[in-house]
Structure formats: C-alpha cells, structure tokens
Amino acid sequence: MRDLDAFYEALDQVTVASVFWKTQHRVPLSYVRDVSYGQNFLQAMFGVSSVTISPTNGNKIVLSNLNDGSATREAIWKLVLSESPN
C-alpha cells in the first residue's frame, strides 16, 4: 500500500484521462464529506473495487478498479478525519 502522503496528493488532485478526454479535480480534504467503497459482480471476479469520494459540492470522484479499495478508502478517510477541525 502507498504511504499516506501519496493518498493525500491523489485526493487533492485527481486526473482522469483517456484518448479522447482528460478531467482534473482538486478537492481540499476539508470539503470531503464521504468516502465509500463498492464492488460490483464483475469487479469481484477480477479482485478489484471502487472508492467514491463525495465532496460538499455534490460532485463525486470515483477511483475505479483499485486492487485494494478497502484499504484505500480507510487511508483516505483517516486523512479526511485528520484534517477536520475537532
């Protein structure tokens, strides 16, 4: 698993690209309200899953086909909690 700094960088700036398009989202950790984990039937067959990051603006950032989605979700959520004012 990557270290937490790499997760922070991934969360702060997510770039999604293909041959035809490229999208970049920058979300401060303080704006994240939910981080969820999901796995459909096909993903389960291949041993991958998805993590969805939901910021306060209503958009969603989906990290698809991760090898260890559950651990990724937990690491991102710990970062979110560490940045939240308590």
C-alpha atoms as a PDB file:
ATOM      1  CA  MET A   1       0.000   0.000   0.000  1.00  0.00           C
ATOM      2  CA  ARG A   2       1.200   3.529  -0.759  1.00  0.00           C
ATOM      3  CA  ASP A   3       2.010   5.863   2.090  1.00  0.00           C
ATOM      4  CA  LEU A   4      -0.488   8.488   3.279  1.00  0.00           C
ATOM      5  CA  ASP A   5       1.249  11.390   1.503  1.00  0.00           C
ATOM      6  CA  ALA A   6       0.580   9.710  -1.836  1.00  0.00           C
ATOM      7  CA  PHE A   7      -3.100   9.327  -0.919  1.00  0.00           C
ATOM      8  CA  TYR A   8      -3.297  12.999   0.045  1.00  0.00           C
ATOM      9  CA  GLU A   9      -1.813  14.007  -3.299  1.00  0.00           C
ATOM     10  CA  ALA A  10      -4.196  11.667  -5.126  1.00  0.00           C
ATOM     11  CA  LEU A  11      -7.173  13.104  -3.288  1.00  0.00           C
ATOM     12  CA  ASP A  12      -6.085  16.712  -3.707  1.00  0.00           C
ATOM     13  CA  GLN A  13      -5.661  16.364  -7.469  1.00  0.00           C
ATOM     14  CA  VAL A  14      -7.370  13.563  -9.349  1.00  0.00           C
ATOM     15  CA  THR A  15      -6.768  13.382 -13.093  1.00  0.00           C
ATOM     16  CA  VAL A  16      -8.866  11.100 -15.248  1.00  0.00           C
ATOM     17  CA  ALA A  17      -7.717  10.697 -18.835  1.00  0.00           C
ATOM     18  CA  SER A  18      -8.357   8.701 -21.951  1.00  0.00           C
ATOM     19  CA  VAL A  19      -7.531   9.019 -25.612  1.00  0.00           C
ATOM     20  CA  PHE A  20     -10.389  11.490 -26.134  1.00  0.00           C
ATOM     21  CA  TRP A  21     -10.693  13.466 -22.898  1.00  0.00           C
ATOM     22  CA  LYS A  22      -8.976  14.500 -19.700  1.00  0.00           C
ATOM     23  CA  THR A  23     -10.550  15.729 -16.464  1.00  0.00           C
ATOM     24  CA  GLN A  24      -8.863  17.087 -13.366  1.00  0.00           C
ATOM     25  CA  HIS A  25     -10.500  17.675  -9.971  1.00  0.00           C
ATOM     26  CA  ARG A  26      -8.923  19.413  -6.992  1.00  0.00           C
ATOM     27  CA  VAL A  27     -10.722  18.856  -3.715  1.00  0.00           C
ATOM     28  CA  PRO A  28      -9.402  20.060  -0.353  1.00  0.00           C
ATOM     29  CA  LEU A  29      -9.677  17.349   2.285  1.00  0.00           C
ATOM     30  CA  SER A  30     -11.805  19.656   4.431  1.00  0.00           C
ATOM     31  CA  TYR A  31     -14.512  19.554   1.712  1.00  0.00           C
ATOM     32  CA  VAL A  32     -14.816  15.751   1.666  1.00  0.00           C
ATOM     33  CA  ARG A  33     -17.974  14.573   3.426  1.00  0.00           C
ATOM     34  CA  ASP A  34     -17.990  10.872   2.499  1.00  0.00           C
ATOM     35  CA  VAL A  35     -15.634   8.181   1.228  1.00  0.00           C
ATOM     36  CA  SER A  36     -17.319   4.933   0.248  1.00  0.00           C
ATOM     37  CA  TYR A  37     -16.207   1.564  -1.060  1.00  0.00           C
ATOM     38  CA  GLY A  38     -18.064  -0.558  -3.605  1.00  0.00           C
ATOM     39  CA  GLN A  39     -17.567  -3.676  -5.661  1.00  0.00           C
ATOM     40  CA  ASN A  40     -19.867  -4.994  -8.376  1.00  0.00           C
ATOM     41  CA  PHE A  41     -20.002  -8.595  -9.579  1.00  0.00           C
ATOM     42  CA  LEU A  42     -17.515  -8.122 -12.426  1.00  0.00           C
ATOM     43  CA  GLN A  43     -15.061  -6.283 -10.195  1.00  0.00           C
ATOM     44  CA  ALA A  44     -15.318  -9.102  -7.639  1.00  0.00           C
ATOM     45  CA  MET A  45     -14.404 -11.620 -10.347  1.00  0.00           C
ATOM     46  CA  PHE A  46     -11.205  -9.674 -11.072  1.00  0.00           C
ATOM     47  CA  GLY A  47     -10.406  -8.795  -7.448  1.00  0.00           C
ATOM     48  CA  VAL A  48     -10.788  -5.036  -7.844  1.00  0.00           C
ATOM     49  CA  SER A  49     -13.173  -2.442  -6.424  1.00  0.00           C
ATOM     50  CA  SER A  50     -14.049   1.264  -6.492  1.00  0.00           C
ATOM     51  CA  VAL A  51     -13.773   4.095  -3.996  1.00  0.00           C
ATOM     52  CA  THR A  52     -16.126   7.073  -4.291  1.00  0.00           C
ATOM     53  CA  ILE A  53     -15.140  10.419  -2.769  1.00  0.00           C
ATOM     54  CA  SER A  54     -18.055  12.818  -2.198  1.00  0.00           C
ATOM     55  CA  PRO A  55     -17.141  16.457  -1.545  1.00  0.00           C
ATOM     56  CA  THR A  56     -19.597  19.040  -0.218  1.00  0.00           C
ATOM     57  CA  ASN A  57     -20.326  20.479  -3.694  1.00  0.00           C
ATOM     58  CA  GLY A  58     -22.288  17.352  -4.666  1.00  0.00           C
ATOM     59  CA  ASN A  59     -19.846  16.062  -7.274  1.00  0.00           C
ATOM     60  CA  LYS A  60     -18.359  12.605  -6.934  1.00  0.00           C
ATOM     61  CA  ILE A  61     -14.864  11.389  -7.693  1.00  0.00           C
ATOM     62  CA  VAL A  62     -14.733   7.662  -8.417  1.00  0.00           C
ATOM     63  CA  LEU A  63     -11.453   5.780  -8.284  1.00  0.00           C
ATOM     64  CA  SER A  64     -12.298   2.632 -10.235  1.00  0.00           C
ATOM     65  CA  ASN A  65     -10.721  -0.801 -10.403  1.00  0.00           C
ATOM     66  CA  LEU A  66      -8.383  -0.472  -7.433  1.00  0.00           C
ATOM     67  CA  ASN A  67      -6.561  -3.572  -6.244  1.00  0.00           C
ATOM     68  CA  ASP A  68      -7.110  -2.797  -2.555  1.00  0.00           C
ATOM     69  CA  GLY A  69     -10.105  -0.465  -2.473  1.00  0.00           C
ATOM     70  CA  SER A  70     -10.989  -1.141   1.153  1.00  0.00           C
ATOM     71  CA  ALA A  71      -7.546  -0.115   2.398  1.00  0.00           C
ATOM     72  CA  THR A  72      -7.534   2.887   0.060  1.00  0.00           C
ATOM     73  CA  ARG A  73     -10.905   4.010   1.430  1.00  0.00           C
ATOM     74  CA  GLU A  74      -9.680   3.670   5.021  1.00  0.00           C
ATOM     75  CA  ALA A  75      -6.463   5.597   4.311  1.00  0.00           C
ATOM     76  CA  ILE A  76      -8.325   8.451   2.601  1.00  0.00           C
ATOM     77  CA  TRP A  77     -10.921   8.602   5.388  1.00  0.00           C
ATOM     78  CA  LYS A  78      -8.161   8.798   8.039  1.00  0.00           C
ATOM     79  CA  LEU A  79      -6.670  11.735   6.136  1.00  0.00           C
ATOM     80  CA  VAL A  80     -10.072  13.434   5.980  1.00  0.00           C
ATOM     81  CA  LEU A  81     -10.548  12.979   9.740  1.00  0.00           C
ATOM     82  CA  SER A  82      -7.036  14.276  10.461  1.00  0.00           C
ATOM     83  CA  GLU A  83      -7.807  17.473   8.526  1.00  0.00           C
ATOM     84  CA  SER A  84     -11.234  18.083  10.083  1.00  0.00           C
ATOM     85  CA  PRO A  85     -11.460  20.654  12.871  1.00  0.00           C
ATOM     86  CA  ASN A  86     -12.313  18.943  16.168  1.00  0.00           C
END
